[in-house]
Amino acid sequence: MHSTNLAELIPLLEERIGVTPGFFERLDTDDDTDWAFVIKLHALIEAAISHLLAMELRRNELEKVFSRLDISNKHTGKAAFVEALELLDKPARTFMHSLSTLRNSLVHDVKNVDFDLEKYVSEMSDQKKKQFVLDFNLLSTEVTNDIRKLFLVDPRQALWYSGMAFLGLVYLKIRPSISH
């Protein structure tokens, strides 16, 4: 029987995609800036999606090809393949796209190295805060007051937990293709 405990699945996925064990766990404890946190989380998710696509097609050699594709392009990127192959549900695809959009906004302007996620969220309009929670929430099918509060008060922690959920979903999708 296989574990479905997310804390146990993430290291298995890290091993599959070739990152240092504990990479994801350290994102929660690193003293890195929020800028680095978003970029590292995105890089891990992007690698996981490239791996998922290669495993789904049972063609390991395609992982390097997929790694070169834009993750968020819904017509010609990884997102297009994920949707066409029905690998992830809409909330997971929305999370992937939203994280990619946030990451892109940060890396294309060096002034963003001092990016502060709490400040970023606190300066949003009420409507944008609501959309932020909807776009990044993979913690619950409903946006409860507790979920909303977590995303608005500690958005980094909320993104970390949603990232864990996302990576767990990816691992559960590739696990059947792993030979035992």
N, C-alpha and C. Protein backbone atom coordinates (compact mmCIF):
# COMPACT_ATOMS: atom_id res chain seq x y z
N MET A 1 0.84 -1.18 0.00
CA MET A 1 0.00 0.00 0.00
C MET A 1 0.89 1.25 0.00
N HIS A 2 0.50 2.25 -0.75
CA HIS A 2 1.27 3.48 -0.86
C HIS A 2 0.71 4.55 0.07
N SER A 3 1.58 5.41 0.52
CA SER A 3 1.19 6.51 1.38
C SER A 3 0.55 7.62 0.57
N THR A 4 -0.41 8.30 1.16
CA THR A 4 -0.96 9.50 0.53
C THR A 4 -0.70 10.70 1.43
N ASN A 5 0.21 10.56 2.37
CA ASN A 5 0.61 11.67 3.23
C ASN A 5 1.51 12.59 2.41
N LEU A 6 1.06 13.83 2.23
CA LEU A 6 1.81 14.76 1.39
C LEU A 6 3.25 14.93 1.83
N ALA A 7 3.47 14.97 3.13
CA ALA A 7 4.83 15.16 3.64
C ALA A 7 5.74 14.01 3.21
N GLU A 8 5.17 12.84 2.96
CA GLU A 8 5.96 11.69 2.50
C GLU A 8 6.07 11.64 0.98
N LEU A 9 5.11 12.22 0.27
CA LEU A 9 5.12 12.17 -1.19
C LEU A 9 6.12 13.14 -1.81
N ILE A 10 6.25 14.32 -1.20
CA ILE A 10 7.10 15.35 -1.79
C ILE A 10 8.55 14.88 -1.96
N PRO A 11 9.17 14.26 -0.94
CA PRO A 11 10.55 13.78 -1.16
C PRO A 11 10.65 12.74 -2.28
N LEU A 12 9.61 11.94 -2.45
CA LEU A 12 9.62 10.96 -3.54
C LEU A 12 9.61 11.67 -4.89
N LEU A 13 8.83 12.72 -4.99
CA LEU A 13 8.80 13.50 -6.22
C LEU A 13 10.12 14.23 -6.44
N GLU A 14 10.68 14.79 -5.37
CA GLU A 14 11.97 15.46 -5.48
C GLU A 14 13.02 14.50 -6.05
N GLU A 15 13.01 13.28 -5.57
CA GLU A 15 13.95 12.27 -6.05
C GLU A 15 13.73 11.99 -7.54
N ARG A 16 12.47 11.89 -7.93
CA ARG A 16 12.13 11.61 -9.33
C ARG A 16 12.61 12.72 -10.27
N ILE A 17 12.52 13.97 -9.82
CA ILE A 17 12.90 15.08 -10.72
C ILE A 17 14.34 15.52 -10.52
N GLY A 18 15.03 14.92 -9.55
CA GLY A 18 16.47 15.14 -9.40
C GLY A 18 16.88 16.38 -8.63
N VAL A 19 16.04 16.84 -7.71
CA VAL A 19 16.46 17.96 -6.87
C VAL A 19 16.95 17.43 -5.53
N THR A 20 17.71 18.23 -4.85
CA THR A 20 18.26 17.86 -3.56
C THR A 20 17.12 17.51 -2.60
N PRO A 21 17.22 16.37 -1.93
CA PRO A 21 16.17 16.01 -0.97
C PRO A 21 15.95 17.14 0.06
N GLY A 22 14.69 17.41 0.34
CA GLY A 22 14.35 18.46 1.30
C GLY A 22 14.23 19.84 0.70
N PHE A 23 14.41 19.96 -0.62
CA PHE A 23 14.32 21.27 -1.28
C PHE A 23 13.01 21.96 -0.95
N PHE A 24 11.90 21.25 -1.14
CA PHE A 24 10.59 21.86 -0.87
C PHE A 24 10.44 22.21 0.61
N GLU A 25 10.81 21.31 1.47
CA GLU A 25 10.69 21.55 2.92
C GLU A 25 11.47 22.80 3.32
N ARG A 26 12.65 22.99 2.75
CA ARG A 26 13.46 24.15 3.08
C ARG A 26 12.82 25.46 2.61
N LEU A 27 11.97 25.40 1.62
CA LEU A 27 11.28 26.63 1.19
C LEU A 27 10.47 27.23 2.33
N ASP A 28 10.00 26.38 3.23
CA ASP A 28 9.21 26.84 4.37
C ASP A 28 10.07 27.42 5.47
N THR A 29 11.33 27.03 5.51
CA THR A 29 12.19 27.46 6.62
C THR A 29 13.32 28.38 6.20
N ASP A 30 13.56 28.47 4.90
CA ASP A 30 14.65 29.32 4.41
C ASP A 30 14.43 30.77 4.82
N ASP A 31 15.54 31.45 5.01
CA ASP A 31 15.48 32.88 5.27
C ASP A 31 15.51 33.67 3.97
N ASP A 32 15.28 32.97 2.86
CA ASP A 32 15.26 33.62 1.56
C ASP A 32 14.18 34.70 1.51
N THR A 33 14.36 35.60 0.59
CA THR A 33 13.35 36.63 0.35
C THR A 33 12.10 35.98 -0.24
N ASP A 34 11.00 36.71 -0.22
CA ASP A 34 9.79 36.22 -0.86
C ASP A 34 10.00 36.08 -2.36
N TRP A 35 10.85 36.94 -2.93
CA TRP A 35 11.19 36.87 -4.34
C TRP A 35 11.81 35.50 -4.65
N ALA A 36 12.78 35.10 -3.88
CA ALA A 36 13.45 33.81 -4.08
C ALA A 36 12.48 32.66 -3.82
N PHE A 37 11.63 32.80 -2.82
CA PHE A 37 10.65 31.76 -2.50
C PHE A 37 9.75 31.48 -3.71
N VAL A 38 9.20 32.53 -4.30
CA VAL A 38 8.30 32.37 -5.44
C VAL A 38 9.04 31.73 -6.62
N ILE A 39 10.25 32.19 -6.89
CA ILE A 39 11.02 31.66 -8.01
C ILE A 39 11.37 30.19 -7.79
N LYS A 40 11.79 29.83 -6.58
CA LYS A 40 12.14 28.45 -6.29
C LYS A 40 10.92 27.53 -6.33
N LEU A 41 9.80 27.99 -5.76
CA LEU A 41 8.58 27.19 -5.79
C LEU A 41 8.15 26.97 -7.24
N HIS A 42 8.19 28.02 -8.04
CA HIS A 42 7.82 27.91 -9.44
C HIS A 42 8.74 26.94 -10.18
N ALA A 43 10.04 27.02 -9.93
CA ALA A 43 11.00 26.14 -10.60
C ALA A 43 10.72 24.67 -10.26
N LEU A 44 10.39 24.40 -9.01
CA LEU A 44 10.08 23.04 -8.60
C LEU A 44 8.81 22.55 -9.27
N ILE A 45 7.80 23.39 -9.30
CA ILE A 45 6.54 23.01 -9.93
C ILE A 45 6.72 22.82 -11.43
N GLU A 46 7.51 23.66 -12.04
CA GLU A 46 7.75 23.54 -13.48
C GLU A 46 8.47 22.21 -13.78
N ALA A 47 9.45 21.86 -12.99
CA ALA A 47 10.15 20.59 -13.18
C ALA A 47 9.21 19.40 -12.97
N ALA A 48 8.34 19.51 -11.98
CA ALA A 48 7.39 18.43 -11.70
C ALA A 48 6.43 18.24 -12.87
N ILE A 49 6.00 19.33 -13.48
CA ILE A 49 5.08 19.23 -14.62
C ILE A 49 5.80 18.64 -15.84
N SER A 50 7.03 19.04 -16.08
CA SER A 50 7.79 18.44 -17.19
C SER A 50 7.92 16.93 -16.99
N HIS A 51 8.19 16.53 -15.76
CA HIS A 51 8.32 15.11 -15.44
C HIS A 51 6.98 14.40 -15.62
N LEU A 52 5.92 15.01 -15.14
CA LEU A 52 4.58 14.43 -15.27
C LEU A 52 4.24 14.19 -16.74
N LEU A 53 4.49 15.16 -17.58
CA LEU A 53 4.17 15.02 -18.99
C LEU A 53 4.96 13.89 -19.64
N ALA A 54 6.24 13.81 -19.35
CA ALA A 54 7.07 12.74 -19.91
C ALA A 54 6.60 11.37 -19.41
N MET A 55 6.24 11.28 -18.14
CA MET A 55 5.78 10.01 -17.58
C MET A 55 4.42 9.62 -18.17
N GLU A 56 3.56 10.60 -18.35
CA GLU A 56 2.24 10.33 -18.91
C GLU A 56 2.36 9.76 -20.33
N LEU A 57 3.30 10.28 -21.08
CA LEU A 57 3.49 9.80 -22.45
C LEU A 57 4.44 8.60 -22.53
N ARG A 58 4.96 8.21 -21.35
CA ARG A 58 5.89 7.08 -21.24
C ARG A 58 7.10 7.26 -22.16
N ARG A 59 7.59 8.50 -22.16
CA ARG A 59 8.74 8.84 -22.99
C ARG A 59 9.67 9.72 -22.16
N ASN A 60 10.52 9.11 -21.37
CA ASN A 60 11.44 9.83 -20.48
C ASN A 60 12.28 10.87 -21.22
N GLU A 61 12.63 10.55 -22.46
CA GLU A 61 13.50 11.45 -23.23
C GLU A 61 12.81 12.78 -23.55
N LEU A 62 11.50 12.85 -23.41
CA LEU A 62 10.78 14.10 -23.69
C LEU A 62 10.83 15.09 -22.52
N GLU A 63 11.29 14.64 -21.36
CA GLU A 63 11.33 15.53 -20.20
C GLU A 63 12.16 16.78 -20.50
N LYS A 64 13.30 16.62 -21.17
CA LYS A 64 14.14 17.77 -21.51
C LYS A 64 13.43 18.69 -22.50
N VAL A 65 12.67 18.13 -23.41
CA VAL A 65 11.91 18.94 -24.37
C VAL A 65 10.83 19.72 -23.62
N PHE A 66 10.09 19.03 -22.75
CA PHE A 66 9.04 19.71 -21.98
C PHE A 66 9.62 20.79 -21.08
N SER A 67 10.82 20.56 -20.57
CA SER A 67 11.41 21.55 -19.66
C SER A 67 11.67 22.88 -20.36
N ARG A 68 11.75 22.88 -21.68
CA ARG A 68 11.99 24.10 -22.45
C ARG A 68 10.70 24.86 -22.79
N LEU A 69 9.57 24.21 -22.61
CA LEU A 69 8.29 24.86 -22.93
C LEU A 69 7.85 25.79 -21.82
N ASP A 70 7.22 26.88 -22.20
CA ASP A 70 6.62 27.80 -21.24
C ASP A 70 5.55 27.04 -20.47
N ILE A 71 5.53 27.18 -19.17
CA ILE A 71 4.56 26.45 -18.37
C ILE A 71 3.15 26.99 -18.50
N SER A 72 2.99 28.30 -18.63
CA SER A 72 1.65 28.87 -18.54
C SER A 72 0.96 29.10 -19.87
N ASN A 73 1.64 28.89 -20.99
CA ASN A 73 0.99 29.11 -22.27
C ASN A 73 -0.08 28.05 -22.48
N LYS A 74 -1.32 28.51 -22.53
CA LYS A 74 -2.46 27.59 -22.62
C LYS A 74 -2.69 27.05 -24.03
N HIS A 75 -1.90 27.53 -25.00
CA HIS A 75 -2.07 27.07 -26.38
C HIS A 75 -0.91 26.20 -26.85
N THR A 76 0.32 26.53 -26.42
CA THR A 76 1.48 25.78 -26.91
C THR A 76 2.46 25.38 -25.80
N GLY A 77 2.12 25.62 -24.57
CA GLY A 77 3.03 25.32 -23.47
C GLY A 77 2.62 24.09 -22.69
N LYS A 78 3.28 23.91 -21.56
CA LYS A 78 2.97 22.78 -20.69
C LYS A 78 1.50 22.78 -20.27
N ALA A 79 0.96 23.97 -20.03
CA ALA A 79 -0.45 24.06 -19.62
C ALA A 79 -1.37 23.47 -20.67
N ALA A 80 -1.05 23.66 -21.94
CA ALA A 80 -1.86 23.11 -23.02
C ALA A 80 -1.85 21.58 -22.98
N PHE A 81 -0.68 21.01 -22.75
CA PHE A 81 -0.56 19.55 -22.66
C PHE A 81 -1.30 19.01 -21.42
N VAL A 82 -1.11 19.70 -20.29
CA VAL A 82 -1.75 19.26 -19.05
C VAL A 82 -3.27 19.25 -19.22
N GLU A 83 -3.80 20.28 -19.84
CA GLU A 83 -5.26 20.34 -20.03
C GLU A 83 -5.72 19.31 -21.06
N ALA A 84 -5.05 19.23 -22.21
CA ALA A 84 -5.45 18.29 -23.26
C ALA A 84 -5.41 16.84 -22.78
N LEU A 85 -4.43 16.53 -21.94
CA LEU A 85 -4.30 15.16 -21.42
C LEU A 85 -5.12 14.95 -20.15
N GLU A 86 -5.80 16.02 -19.70
CA GLU A 86 -6.64 15.98 -18.49
C GLU A 86 -5.87 15.45 -17.28
N LEU A 87 -4.66 15.99 -17.09
CA LEU A 87 -3.80 15.52 -16.01
C LEU A 87 -4.10 16.19 -14.67
N LEU A 88 -4.54 17.44 -14.70
CA LEU A 88 -4.84 18.17 -13.47
C LEU A 88 -6.18 18.87 -13.61
N ASP A 89 -6.88 18.99 -12.49
CA ASP A 89 -8.17 19.66 -12.52
C ASP A 89 -8.00 21.18 -12.63
N LYS A 90 -9.10 21.87 -12.83
CA LYS A 90 -9.07 23.32 -13.05
C LYS A 90 -8.41 24.08 -11.90
N PRO A 91 -8.72 23.80 -10.62
CA PRO A 91 -8.03 24.54 -9.54
C PRO A 91 -6.51 24.37 -9.58
N ALA A 92 -6.03 23.18 -9.87
CA ALA A 92 -4.58 22.95 -9.94
C ALA A 92 -3.98 23.70 -11.13
N ARG A 93 -4.68 23.68 -12.26
CA ARG A 93 -4.19 24.42 -13.43
C ARG A 93 -4.21 25.92 -13.18
N THR A 94 -5.22 26.40 -12.46
CA THR A 94 -5.29 27.83 -12.12
C THR A 94 -4.13 28.20 -11.21
N PHE A 95 -3.84 27.37 -10.22
CA PHE A 95 -2.70 27.61 -9.32
C PHE A 95 -1.41 27.69 -10.14
N MET A 96 -1.21 26.72 -11.03
CA MET A 96 0.00 26.66 -11.85
C MET A 96 0.14 27.95 -12.67
N HIS A 97 -0.94 28.35 -13.31
CA HIS A 97 -0.91 29.56 -14.15
C HIS A 97 -0.68 30.82 -13.31
N SER A 98 -1.35 30.90 -12.17
CA SER A 98 -1.24 32.08 -11.31
C SER A 98 0.17 32.22 -10.73
N LEU A 99 0.76 31.09 -10.32
CA LEU A 99 2.12 31.13 -9.80
C LEU A 99 3.09 31.55 -10.91
N SER A 100 2.86 31.05 -12.10
CA SER A 100 3.71 31.41 -13.23
C SER A 100 3.59 32.90 -13.55
N THR A 101 2.39 33.42 -13.51
CA THR A 101 2.18 34.85 -13.76
C THR A 101 2.89 35.69 -12.70
N LEU A 102 2.76 35.31 -11.44
CA LEU A 102 3.43 36.02 -10.35
C LEU A 102 4.95 35.95 -10.53
N ARG A 103 5.45 34.78 -10.79
CA ARG A 103 6.89 34.60 -11.00
C ARG A 103 7.40 35.45 -12.15
N ASN A 104 6.67 35.44 -13.26
CA ASN A 104 7.09 36.24 -14.42
C ASN A 104 7.13 37.73 -14.10
N SER A 105 6.17 38.19 -13.33
CA SER A 105 6.17 39.62 -12.97
C SER A 105 7.36 39.96 -12.08
N LEU A 106 7.86 38.99 -11.34
CA LEU A 106 8.99 39.24 -10.44
C LEU A 106 10.35 39.17 -11.15
N VAL A 107 10.50 38.23 -12.05
CA VAL A 107 11.83 38.03 -12.64
C VAL A 107 12.17 39.00 -13.76
N HIS A 108 11.19 39.65 -14.30
CA HIS A 108 11.46 40.53 -15.44
C HIS A 108 11.75 41.97 -15.04
N ASP A 109 11.90 42.21 -13.74
CA ASP A 109 12.28 43.54 -13.26
C ASP A 109 13.13 43.36 -12.01
N VAL A 110 14.41 43.67 -12.11
CA VAL A 110 15.35 43.44 -11.01
C VAL A 110 14.94 44.20 -9.74
N LYS A 111 14.16 45.24 -9.87
CA LYS A 111 13.71 45.98 -8.68
C LYS A 111 12.85 45.12 -7.77
N ASN A 112 12.37 44.01 -8.28
CA ASN A 112 11.50 43.14 -7.49
C ASN A 112 12.25 42.21 -6.54
N VAL A 113 13.58 42.29 -6.49
CA VAL A 113 14.32 41.40 -5.59
C VAL A 113 13.92 41.61 -4.14
N ASP A 114 13.38 42.76 -3.82
CA ASP A 114 12.92 43.03 -2.45
C ASP A 114 11.42 42.80 -2.29
N PHE A 115 10.84 42.02 -3.19
CA PHE A 115 9.41 41.72 -3.17
C PHE A 115 8.99 41.19 -1.81
N ASP A 116 7.90 41.72 -1.29
CA ASP A 116 7.34 41.31 0.00
C ASP A 116 5.91 40.85 -0.25
N LEU A 117 5.70 39.56 -0.10
CA LEU A 117 4.40 38.95 -0.39
C LEU A 117 3.29 39.51 0.49
N GLU A 118 3.57 39.70 1.78
CA GLU A 118 2.55 40.25 2.68
C GLU A 118 2.16 41.67 2.25
N LYS A 119 3.16 42.48 1.92
CA LYS A 119 2.88 43.85 1.48
C LYS A 119 2.12 43.83 0.16
N TYR A 120 2.53 42.97 -0.75
CA TYR A 120 1.89 42.83 -2.05
C TYR A 120 0.39 42.54 -1.89
N VAL A 121 0.06 41.59 -1.02
CA VAL A 121 -1.33 41.22 -0.81
C VAL A 121 -2.08 42.32 -0.05
N SER A 122 -1.44 42.89 0.94
CA SER A 122 -2.12 43.92 1.74
C SER A 122 -2.49 45.15 0.92
N GLU A 123 -1.73 45.42 -0.14
CA GLU A 123 -2.00 46.59 -0.98
C GLU A 123 -3.02 46.32 -2.09
N MET A 124 -3.49 45.10 -2.18
CA MET A 124 -4.49 44.75 -3.20
C MET A 124 -5.86 45.33 -2.82
N SER A 125 -6.66 45.57 -3.83
CA SER A 125 -8.06 45.93 -3.59
C SER A 125 -8.77 44.70 -3.03
N ASP A 126 -9.93 44.89 -2.45
CA ASP A 126 -10.68 43.76 -1.90
C ASP A 126 -10.99 42.73 -2.98
N GLN A 127 -11.32 43.18 -4.16
CA GLN A 127 -11.62 42.27 -5.27
C GLN A 127 -10.37 41.47 -5.67
N LYS A 128 -9.22 42.13 -5.71
CA LYS A 128 -7.99 41.42 -6.07
C LYS A 128 -7.57 40.44 -4.98
N LYS A 129 -7.83 40.79 -3.73
CA LYS A 129 -7.55 39.85 -2.63
C LYS A 129 -8.41 38.60 -2.78
N LYS A 130 -9.67 38.82 -3.09
CA LYS A 130 -10.58 37.69 -3.27
C LYS A 130 -10.10 36.80 -4.41
N GLN A 131 -9.67 37.42 -5.51
CA GLN A 131 -9.18 36.67 -6.66
C GLN A 131 -7.86 35.96 -6.34
N PHE A 132 -7.00 36.60 -5.56
CA PHE A 132 -5.74 35.99 -5.14
C PHE A 132 -6.01 34.69 -4.40
N VAL A 133 -6.94 34.72 -3.47
CA VAL A 133 -7.27 33.51 -2.70
C VAL A 133 -7.84 32.44 -3.64
N LEU A 134 -8.74 32.82 -4.53
CA LEU A 134 -9.32 31.85 -5.46
C LEU A 134 -8.26 31.25 -6.38
N ASP A 135 -7.33 32.07 -6.84
CA ASP A 135 -6.31 31.60 -7.79
C ASP A 135 -5.29 30.67 -7.17
N PHE A 136 -4.97 30.87 -5.90
CA PHE A 136 -3.88 30.12 -5.27
C PHE A 136 -4.34 29.06 -4.28
N ASN A 137 -5.60 29.01 -3.95
CA ASN A 137 -6.08 28.07 -2.93
C ASN A 137 -6.21 26.65 -3.46
N LEU A 138 -5.37 25.78 -2.97
CA LEU A 138 -5.52 24.34 -3.20
C LEU A 138 -5.70 23.61 -1.87
N LEU A 139 -6.00 24.37 -0.83
CA LEU A 139 -6.10 23.81 0.51
C LEU A 139 -7.50 23.29 0.83
N SER A 140 -8.48 23.82 0.16
CA SER A 140 -9.85 23.47 0.47
C SER A 140 -10.72 23.74 -0.75
N THR A 141 -11.77 22.95 -0.92
CA THR A 141 -12.68 23.19 -2.03
C THR A 141 -13.55 24.42 -1.76
N GLU A 142 -13.65 24.79 -0.52
CA GLU A 142 -14.39 26.00 -0.14
C GLU A 142 -13.41 27.02 0.42
N VAL A 143 -13.71 28.29 0.16
CA VAL A 143 -12.89 29.35 0.74
C VAL A 143 -13.55 29.76 2.05
N THR A 144 -13.11 29.12 3.12
CA THR A 144 -13.64 29.44 4.44
C THR A 144 -12.94 30.69 4.98
N ASN A 145 -13.44 31.19 6.07
CA ASN A 145 -12.79 32.35 6.71
C ASN A 145 -11.35 32.03 7.11
N ASP A 146 -11.11 30.81 7.58
CA ASP A 146 -9.76 30.42 7.97
C ASP A 146 -8.81 30.39 6.77
N ILE A 147 -9.29 29.86 5.66
CA ILE A 147 -8.48 29.82 4.44
C ILE A 147 -8.19 31.24 3.97
N ARG A 148 -9.22 32.06 3.90
CA ARG A 148 -9.06 33.45 3.48
C ARG A 148 -8.06 34.17 4.37
N LYS A 149 -8.19 33.98 5.67
CA LYS A 149 -7.30 34.64 6.62
C LYS A 149 -5.85 34.20 6.41
N LEU A 150 -5.63 32.91 6.21
CA LEU A 150 -4.27 32.41 5.99
C LEU A 150 -3.66 33.08 4.76
N PHE A 151 -4.40 33.12 3.66
CA PHE A 151 -3.87 33.72 2.43
C PHE A 151 -3.62 35.22 2.57
N LEU A 152 -4.42 35.89 3.35
CA LEU A 152 -4.28 37.33 3.47
C LEU A 152 -3.30 37.75 4.56
N VAL A 153 -3.16 36.95 5.60
CA VAL A 153 -2.26 37.29 6.70
C VAL A 153 -0.86 36.69 6.50
N ASP A 154 -0.80 35.48 6.00
CA ASP A 154 0.49 34.82 5.78
C ASP A 154 0.51 34.17 4.39
N PRO A 155 0.53 35.00 3.35
CA PRO A 155 0.43 34.45 2.00
C PRO A 155 1.57 33.50 1.63
N ARG A 156 2.75 33.71 2.18
CA ARG A 156 3.87 32.80 1.86
C ARG A 156 3.57 31.40 2.38
N GLN A 157 3.10 31.31 3.60
CA GLN A 157 2.76 30.01 4.18
C GLN A 157 1.62 29.37 3.38
N ALA A 158 0.64 30.16 3.00
CA ALA A 158 -0.49 29.65 2.22
C ALA A 158 -0.02 29.11 0.87
N LEU A 159 0.87 29.85 0.21
CA LEU A 159 1.40 29.38 -1.07
C LEU A 159 2.23 28.11 -0.89
N TRP A 160 2.95 28.03 0.21
CA TRP A 160 3.75 26.84 0.48
C TRP A 160 2.83 25.62 0.62
N TYR A 161 1.76 25.78 1.40
CA TYR A 161 0.82 24.66 1.57
C TYR A 161 0.13 24.30 0.27
N SER A 162 -0.27 25.30 -0.51
CA SER A 162 -0.89 25.01 -1.80
C SER A 162 0.12 24.35 -2.73
N GLY A 163 1.38 24.78 -2.66
CA GLY A 163 2.43 24.14 -3.44
C GLY A 163 2.58 22.69 -3.06
N MET A 164 2.50 22.38 -1.77
CA MET A 164 2.58 21.00 -1.30
C MET A 164 1.42 20.18 -1.88
N ALA A 165 0.23 20.75 -1.84
CA ALA A 165 -0.93 20.05 -2.39
C ALA A 165 -0.74 19.80 -3.89
N PHE A 166 -0.26 20.80 -4.60
CA PHE A 166 -0.03 20.67 -6.04
C PHE A 166 0.98 19.57 -6.33
N LEU A 167 2.11 19.60 -5.66
CA LEU A 167 3.15 18.60 -5.88
C LEU A 167 2.67 17.20 -5.51
N GLY A 168 1.86 17.12 -4.46
CA GLY A 168 1.28 15.83 -4.09
C GLY A 168 0.37 15.30 -5.20
N LEU A 169 -0.44 16.17 -5.78
CA LEU A 169 -1.31 15.77 -6.89
C LEU A 169 -0.48 15.27 -8.07
N VAL A 170 0.60 15.97 -8.36
CA VAL A 170 1.46 15.57 -9.47
C VAL A 170 2.06 14.19 -9.19
N TYR A 171 2.56 13.99 -7.98
CA TYR A 171 3.17 12.69 -7.67
C TYR A 171 2.14 11.57 -7.77
N LEU A 172 0.94 11.82 -7.29
CA LEU A 172 -0.10 10.79 -7.37
C LEU A 172 -0.45 10.46 -8.82
N LYS A 173 -0.29 11.42 -9.70
CA LYS A 173 -0.53 11.17 -11.13
C LYS A 173 0.59 10.35 -11.76
N ILE A 174 1.84 10.56 -11.34
CA ILE A 174 2.94 9.81 -11.95
C ILE A 174 3.16 8.46 -11.28
N ARG A 175 2.72 8.31 -10.07
CA ARG A 175 2.99 7.07 -9.33
C ARG A 175 2.56 5.81 -10.08
N PRO A 176 1.40 5.78 -10.74
CA PRO A 176 1.05 4.54 -11.45
C PRO A 176 2.03 4.19 -12.57
N SER A 177 2.73 5.19 -13.12
CA SER A 177 3.65 4.90 -14.21
C SER A 177 5.04 4.49 -13.72
N ILE A 178 5.26 4.57 -12.41
CA ILE A 178 6.55 4.18 -11.85
C ILE A 178 6.60 2.67 -11.72
N SER A 179 7.59 2.08 -12.34
CA SER A 179 7.69 0.61 -12.23
C SER A 179 8.23 0.23 -10.87
N HIS A 180 7.68 -0.81 -10.35
CA HIS A 180 8.05 -1.26 -8.99
C HIS A 180 9.03 -2.40 -9.07
